[in-house]
Amino acid sequence: NKWRIVFPDNGRQWKDWKQASTFYSGNRIQTTKYTWFTFLPKNLFEQFHRLGNLYFFFLVVLNWFPQVEVFHREITMLPLIVVLLASMIKDAIEDYRKYRFDKKINFSKTRVYDK
């Protein structure tokens, strides 16, 4: 039963309220980074901006050439996959918590003070 309190900035915004309300009809808070469709590409893009992940990816690619193969191909992929999965799970949990908090804020009762 908590209320959000909104104080309008000044009277200028109320003059064209009907016109502005058509443009901003879906006024809601959204702090999440991902959607269901963009999670994998965006997360992989962010993961490979880290130098450690690029290093392990370079080792995986290098190990696919038979001339420089040191370990089995699957063994060199294991550290990279474990790190990427752990980071993806952590990011998914964080984003889901942000989504729940945004939903809670967006559906809370609001009291607007006016002159």
N, C-alpha and C. Protein backbone atom coordinates (compact mmCIF):
# COMPACT_ATOMS: atom_id res chain seq x y z
N ASN A 1 0.81 -1.20 0.00
CA ASN A 1 0.00 0.00 0.00
C ASN A 1 0.86 1.26 0.00
N LYS A 2 2.02 1.20 -0.59
CA LYS A 2 2.87 2.38 -0.67
C LYS A 2 2.44 3.23 -1.85
N TRP A 3 2.60 4.52 -1.71
CA TRP A 3 2.22 5.47 -2.75
C TRP A 3 3.46 6.12 -3.31
N ARG A 4 3.46 6.34 -4.61
CA ARG A 4 4.48 7.19 -5.22
C ARG A 4 3.91 8.59 -5.26
N ILE A 5 4.74 9.56 -4.94
CA ILE A 5 4.30 10.95 -4.96
C ILE A 5 5.01 11.64 -6.11
N VAL A 6 4.25 12.26 -6.99
CA VAL A 6 4.79 12.94 -8.15
C VAL A 6 4.47 14.42 -8.03
N PHE A 7 5.47 15.26 -8.12
CA PHE A 7 5.28 16.71 -8.10
C PHE A 7 5.50 17.23 -9.51
N PRO A 8 4.52 17.91 -10.09
CA PRO A 8 4.71 18.46 -11.43
C PRO A 8 5.75 19.58 -11.41
N ASP A 9 6.44 19.74 -12.51
CA ASP A 9 7.53 20.71 -12.58
C ASP A 9 7.00 22.13 -12.53
N ASN A 10 6.13 22.49 -13.44
CA ASN A 10 5.49 23.81 -13.42
C ASN A 10 4.24 23.77 -14.29
N GLY A 11 3.57 24.89 -14.41
CA GLY A 11 2.30 24.93 -15.12
C GLY A 11 2.39 24.85 -16.62
N ARG A 12 3.58 25.03 -17.19
CA ARG A 12 3.69 24.99 -18.64
C ARG A 12 3.34 23.64 -19.23
N GLN A 13 3.63 22.57 -18.50
CA GLN A 13 3.35 21.24 -19.03
C GLN A 13 1.87 20.93 -19.08
N TRP A 14 1.07 21.56 -18.26
CA TRP A 14 -0.36 21.27 -18.21
C TRP A 14 -1.12 21.92 -19.35
N LYS A 15 -0.53 22.90 -20.03
CA LYS A 15 -1.23 23.58 -21.12
C LYS A 15 -1.53 22.61 -22.26
N ASP A 16 -0.57 21.84 -22.65
CA ASP A 16 -0.73 20.90 -23.76
C ASP A 16 -0.80 19.46 -23.25
N TRP A 17 -1.52 19.26 -22.16
CA TRP A 17 -1.54 17.95 -21.54
C TRP A 17 -2.16 16.89 -22.45
N LYS A 18 -3.23 17.22 -23.14
CA LYS A 18 -3.89 16.22 -24.00
C LYS A 18 -2.98 15.81 -25.15
N GLN A 19 -2.27 16.77 -25.72
CA GLN A 19 -1.38 16.45 -26.83
C GLN A 19 -0.19 15.62 -26.33
N ALA A 20 0.35 15.99 -25.20
CA ALA A 20 1.50 15.26 -24.66
C ALA A 20 1.11 13.86 -24.20
N SER A 21 -0.10 13.71 -23.68
CA SER A 21 -0.51 12.39 -23.19
C SER A 21 -0.67 11.37 -24.32
N THR A 22 -0.92 11.84 -25.54
CA THR A 22 -1.00 10.90 -26.65
C THR A 22 0.37 10.39 -27.04
N PHE A 23 1.39 11.25 -26.90
CA PHE A 23 2.75 10.83 -27.24
C PHE A 23 3.36 9.94 -26.15
N TYR A 24 3.00 10.18 -24.90
CA TYR A 24 3.59 9.45 -23.78
C TYR A 24 2.54 8.61 -23.06
N SER A 25 1.73 7.91 -23.81
CA SER A 25 0.68 7.11 -23.18
C SER A 25 1.25 5.91 -22.43
N GLY A 26 2.37 5.38 -22.86
CA GLY A 26 2.98 4.24 -22.19
C GLY A 26 4.09 4.66 -21.26
N ASN A 27 3.87 5.67 -20.46
CA ASN A 27 4.90 6.19 -19.58
C ASN A 27 5.15 5.20 -18.45
N ARG A 28 6.26 4.50 -18.55
CA ARG A 28 6.61 3.51 -17.53
C ARG A 28 8.11 3.47 -17.36
N ILE A 29 8.53 2.91 -16.26
CA ILE A 29 9.95 2.79 -15.96
C ILE A 29 10.44 1.45 -16.49
N GLN A 30 11.59 1.47 -17.17
CA GLN A 30 12.18 0.24 -17.66
C GLN A 30 13.70 0.34 -17.51
N THR A 31 14.26 -0.44 -16.59
CA THR A 31 15.70 -0.43 -16.35
C THR A 31 16.37 -1.72 -16.82
N THR A 32 15.61 -2.63 -17.39
CA THR A 32 16.20 -3.89 -17.84
C THR A 32 16.99 -3.68 -19.13
N LYS A 33 18.00 -4.51 -19.30
CA LYS A 33 18.85 -4.44 -20.49
C LYS A 33 18.36 -5.35 -21.60
N TYR A 34 17.79 -6.47 -21.22
CA TYR A 34 17.53 -7.53 -22.18
C TYR A 34 16.04 -7.80 -22.35
N THR A 35 15.71 -8.41 -23.49
CA THR A 35 14.39 -9.02 -23.69
C THR A 35 14.64 -10.50 -23.96
N TRP A 36 13.58 -11.24 -24.18
CA TRP A 36 13.75 -12.67 -24.45
C TRP A 36 14.55 -12.90 -25.73
N PHE A 37 14.37 -12.03 -26.71
CA PHE A 37 15.02 -12.23 -28.00
C PHE A 37 16.43 -11.65 -28.06
N THR A 38 16.70 -10.64 -27.26
CA THR A 38 18.01 -9.99 -27.35
C THR A 38 18.98 -10.44 -26.28
N PHE A 39 18.58 -11.35 -25.40
CA PHE A 39 19.47 -11.74 -24.30
C PHE A 39 20.76 -12.37 -24.80
N LEU A 40 20.66 -13.39 -25.63
CA LEU A 40 21.85 -14.12 -26.07
C LEU A 40 22.81 -13.24 -26.89
N PRO A 41 22.34 -12.53 -27.93
CA PRO A 41 23.31 -11.73 -28.69
C PRO A 41 23.91 -10.58 -27.89
N LYS A 42 23.10 -9.87 -27.12
CA LYS A 42 23.63 -8.75 -26.34
C LYS A 42 24.59 -9.23 -25.27
N ASN A 43 24.25 -10.33 -24.61
CA ASN A 43 25.10 -10.83 -23.55
C ASN A 43 26.42 -11.34 -24.09
N LEU A 44 26.39 -12.07 -25.20
CA LEU A 44 27.64 -12.53 -25.80
C LEU A 44 28.49 -11.36 -26.27
N PHE A 45 27.86 -10.33 -26.80
CA PHE A 45 28.59 -9.13 -27.22
C PHE A 45 29.29 -8.49 -26.03
N GLU A 46 28.60 -8.40 -24.90
CA GLU A 46 29.22 -7.83 -23.70
C GLU A 46 30.31 -8.73 -23.14
N GLN A 47 30.08 -10.05 -23.18
CA GLN A 47 31.07 -10.97 -22.64
C GLN A 47 32.38 -10.92 -23.42
N PHE A 48 32.30 -10.79 -24.72
CA PHE A 48 33.52 -10.80 -25.53
C PHE A 48 34.19 -9.45 -25.60
N HIS A 49 33.69 -8.47 -24.85
CA HIS A 49 34.43 -7.23 -24.68
C HIS A 49 35.45 -7.35 -23.56
N ARG A 50 35.39 -8.43 -22.81
CA ARG A 50 36.35 -8.66 -21.73
C ARG A 50 37.56 -9.38 -22.30
N LEU A 51 38.72 -8.93 -21.90
CA LEU A 51 39.97 -9.43 -22.46
C LEU A 51 40.19 -10.92 -22.15
N GLY A 52 39.81 -11.34 -20.94
CA GLY A 52 40.00 -12.75 -20.57
C GLY A 52 39.19 -13.69 -21.45
N ASN A 53 37.97 -13.30 -21.75
CA ASN A 53 37.12 -14.14 -22.60
C ASN A 53 37.65 -14.19 -24.03
N LEU A 54 38.17 -13.07 -24.51
CA LEU A 54 38.78 -13.07 -25.85
C LEU A 54 40.02 -13.97 -25.90
N TYR A 55 40.79 -13.96 -24.81
CA TYR A 55 41.98 -14.82 -24.76
C TYR A 55 41.59 -16.29 -24.84
N PHE A 56 40.60 -16.70 -24.05
CA PHE A 56 40.18 -18.10 -24.08
C PHE A 56 39.56 -18.46 -25.42
N PHE A 57 38.83 -17.53 -26.04
CA PHE A 57 38.27 -17.77 -27.36
C PHE A 57 39.38 -17.94 -28.39
N PHE A 58 40.44 -17.14 -28.30
CA PHE A 58 41.58 -17.28 -29.18
C PHE A 58 42.23 -18.65 -29.03
N LEU A 59 42.35 -19.14 -27.78
CA LEU A 59 42.92 -20.47 -27.56
C LEU A 59 42.04 -21.57 -28.16
N VAL A 60 40.72 -21.39 -28.06
CA VAL A 60 39.81 -22.39 -28.64
C VAL A 60 39.96 -22.43 -30.15
N VAL A 61 40.00 -21.25 -30.78
CA VAL A 61 40.15 -21.19 -32.25
C VAL A 61 41.50 -21.75 -32.66
N LEU A 62 42.53 -21.40 -31.93
CA LEU A 62 43.87 -21.86 -32.26
C LEU A 62 43.99 -23.38 -32.13
N ASN A 63 43.29 -23.96 -31.18
CA ASN A 63 43.37 -25.40 -30.94
C ASN A 63 42.61 -26.21 -32.00
N TRP A 64 41.82 -25.58 -32.85
CA TRP A 64 41.14 -26.31 -33.92
C TRP A 64 42.07 -26.61 -35.09
N PHE A 65 43.24 -25.99 -35.12
CA PHE A 65 44.22 -26.29 -36.17
C PHE A 65 45.08 -27.45 -35.70
N PRO A 66 45.19 -28.51 -36.50
CA PRO A 66 45.93 -29.71 -36.06
C PRO A 66 47.42 -29.45 -35.83
N GLN A 67 48.00 -28.46 -36.48
CA GLN A 67 49.43 -28.20 -36.32
C GLN A 67 49.78 -27.66 -34.94
N VAL A 68 48.86 -26.92 -34.33
CA VAL A 68 49.15 -26.31 -33.02
C VAL A 68 48.28 -26.87 -31.91
N GLU A 69 47.60 -27.96 -32.17
CA GLU A 69 46.70 -28.54 -31.16
C GLU A 69 47.51 -29.08 -29.99
N VAL A 70 47.17 -28.61 -28.80
CA VAL A 70 47.87 -29.04 -27.59
C VAL A 70 46.99 -30.02 -26.81
N PHE A 71 45.76 -29.64 -26.58
CA PHE A 71 44.81 -30.48 -25.86
C PHE A 71 43.72 -30.92 -26.83
N HIS A 72 42.82 -31.72 -26.32
CA HIS A 72 41.64 -32.05 -27.12
C HIS A 72 40.82 -30.79 -27.31
N ARG A 73 40.14 -30.70 -28.42
CA ARG A 73 39.38 -29.49 -28.74
C ARG A 73 38.29 -29.20 -27.70
N GLU A 74 37.66 -30.24 -27.21
CA GLU A 74 36.58 -30.06 -26.25
C GLU A 74 37.09 -29.54 -24.92
N ILE A 75 38.30 -29.96 -24.54
CA ILE A 75 38.86 -29.55 -23.25
C ILE A 75 39.18 -28.05 -23.25
N THR A 76 39.65 -27.52 -24.36
CA THR A 76 39.96 -26.09 -24.39
C THR A 76 38.70 -25.23 -24.42
N MET A 77 37.59 -25.78 -24.86
CA MET A 77 36.33 -25.02 -24.86
C MET A 77 35.69 -24.98 -23.48
N LEU A 78 36.01 -25.91 -22.62
CA LEU A 78 35.35 -26.04 -21.33
C LEU A 78 35.50 -24.80 -20.44
N PRO A 79 36.71 -24.24 -20.24
CA PRO A 79 36.79 -23.04 -19.38
C PRO A 79 35.99 -21.86 -19.93
N LEU A 80 36.02 -21.66 -21.23
CA LEU A 80 35.28 -20.56 -21.83
C LEU A 80 33.78 -20.75 -21.65
N ILE A 81 33.30 -21.95 -21.87
CA ILE A 81 31.87 -22.23 -21.74
C ILE A 81 31.41 -22.06 -20.29
N VAL A 82 32.22 -22.51 -19.34
CA VAL A 82 31.85 -22.39 -17.93
C VAL A 82 31.78 -20.92 -17.52
N VAL A 83 32.75 -20.13 -17.92
CA VAL A 83 32.76 -18.71 -17.57
C VAL A 83 31.60 -17.98 -18.23
N LEU A 84 31.35 -18.27 -19.50
CA LEU A 84 30.24 -17.61 -20.20
C LEU A 84 28.89 -17.99 -19.60
N LEU A 85 28.70 -19.25 -19.27
CA LEU A 85 27.43 -19.68 -18.67
C LEU A 85 27.22 -19.06 -17.29
N ALA A 86 28.28 -19.02 -16.49
CA ALA A 86 28.14 -18.42 -15.16
C ALA A 86 27.79 -16.93 -15.27
N SER A 87 28.43 -16.23 -16.18
CA SER A 87 28.13 -14.81 -16.36
C SER A 87 26.73 -14.60 -16.91
N MET A 88 26.31 -15.47 -17.84
CA MET A 88 24.95 -15.36 -18.39
C MET A 88 23.89 -15.60 -17.33
N ILE A 89 24.11 -16.58 -16.48
CA ILE A 89 23.14 -16.86 -15.41
C ILE A 89 23.07 -15.69 -14.45
N LYS A 90 24.22 -15.14 -14.08
CA LYS A 90 24.25 -13.99 -13.18
C LYS A 90 23.53 -12.80 -13.80
N ASP A 91 23.80 -12.50 -15.08
CA ASP A 91 23.15 -11.38 -15.75
C ASP A 91 21.64 -11.60 -15.90
N ALA A 92 21.23 -12.84 -16.15
CA ALA A 92 19.81 -13.13 -16.28
C ALA A 92 19.09 -12.94 -14.96
N ILE A 93 19.70 -13.36 -13.87
CA ILE A 93 19.08 -13.18 -12.55
C ILE A 93 18.99 -11.70 -12.20
N GLU A 94 20.04 -10.95 -12.45
CA GLU A 94 20.02 -9.50 -12.18
C GLU A 94 18.94 -8.81 -13.01
N ASP A 95 18.85 -9.15 -14.27
CA ASP A 95 17.88 -8.50 -15.15
C ASP A 95 16.45 -8.87 -14.75
N TYR A 96 16.25 -10.10 -14.31
CA TYR A 96 14.92 -10.51 -13.86
C TYR A 96 14.52 -9.76 -12.59
N ARG A 97 15.48 -9.55 -11.69
CA ARG A 97 15.19 -8.76 -10.48
C ARG A 97 14.84 -7.32 -10.84
N LYS A 98 15.55 -6.75 -11.81
CA LYS A 98 15.21 -5.40 -12.27
C LYS A 98 13.82 -5.37 -12.88
N TYR A 99 13.48 -6.40 -13.65
CA TYR A 99 12.16 -6.49 -14.27
C TYR A 99 11.06 -6.53 -13.21
N ARG A 100 11.25 -7.33 -12.16
CA ARG A 100 10.25 -7.42 -11.09
C ARG A 100 10.11 -6.09 -10.36
N PHE A 101 11.23 -5.42 -10.10
CA PHE A 101 11.17 -4.13 -9.41
C PHE A 101 10.49 -3.08 -10.29
N ASP A 102 10.80 -3.07 -11.59
CA ASP A 102 10.14 -2.14 -12.52
C ASP A 102 8.64 -2.37 -12.55
N LYS A 103 8.25 -3.63 -12.57
CA LYS A 103 6.83 -3.96 -12.59
C LYS A 103 6.15 -3.48 -11.31
N LYS A 104 6.83 -3.63 -10.19
CA LYS A 104 6.28 -3.18 -8.91
C LYS A 104 6.11 -1.66 -8.91
N ILE A 105 7.08 -0.94 -9.41
CA ILE A 105 7.01 0.53 -9.46
C ILE A 105 5.94 0.98 -10.45
N ASN A 106 5.87 0.35 -11.61
CA ASN A 106 4.93 0.78 -12.64
C ASN A 106 3.47 0.55 -12.26
N PHE A 107 3.20 -0.42 -11.42
CA PHE A 107 1.83 -0.69 -11.03
C PHE A 107 1.50 -0.17 -9.63
N SER A 108 2.36 0.65 -9.07
CA SER A 108 2.06 1.21 -7.75
C SER A 108 1.11 2.40 -7.90
N LYS A 109 0.44 2.71 -6.82
CA LYS A 109 -0.48 3.84 -6.82
C LYS A 109 0.31 5.14 -6.83
N THR A 110 -0.23 6.13 -7.50
CA THR A 110 0.47 7.41 -7.63
C THR A 110 -0.43 8.54 -7.19
N ARG A 111 0.14 9.44 -6.44
CA ARG A 111 -0.59 10.63 -6.00
C ARG A 111 0.13 11.83 -6.58
N VAL A 112 -0.57 12.64 -7.37
CA VAL A 112 0.01 13.79 -8.04
C VAL A 112 -0.49 15.05 -7.35
N TYR A 113 0.42 15.90 -6.96
CA TYR A 113 0.05 17.16 -6.32
C TYR A 113 0.06 18.27 -7.36
N ASP A 114 -0.96 19.09 -7.32
CA ASP A 114 -1.08 20.21 -8.22
C ASP A 114 -1.52 21.43 -7.40
N LYS A 115 -1.37 22.59 -7.97
CA LYS A 115 -1.77 23.80 -7.25
C LYS A 115 -3.21 23.69 -6.95
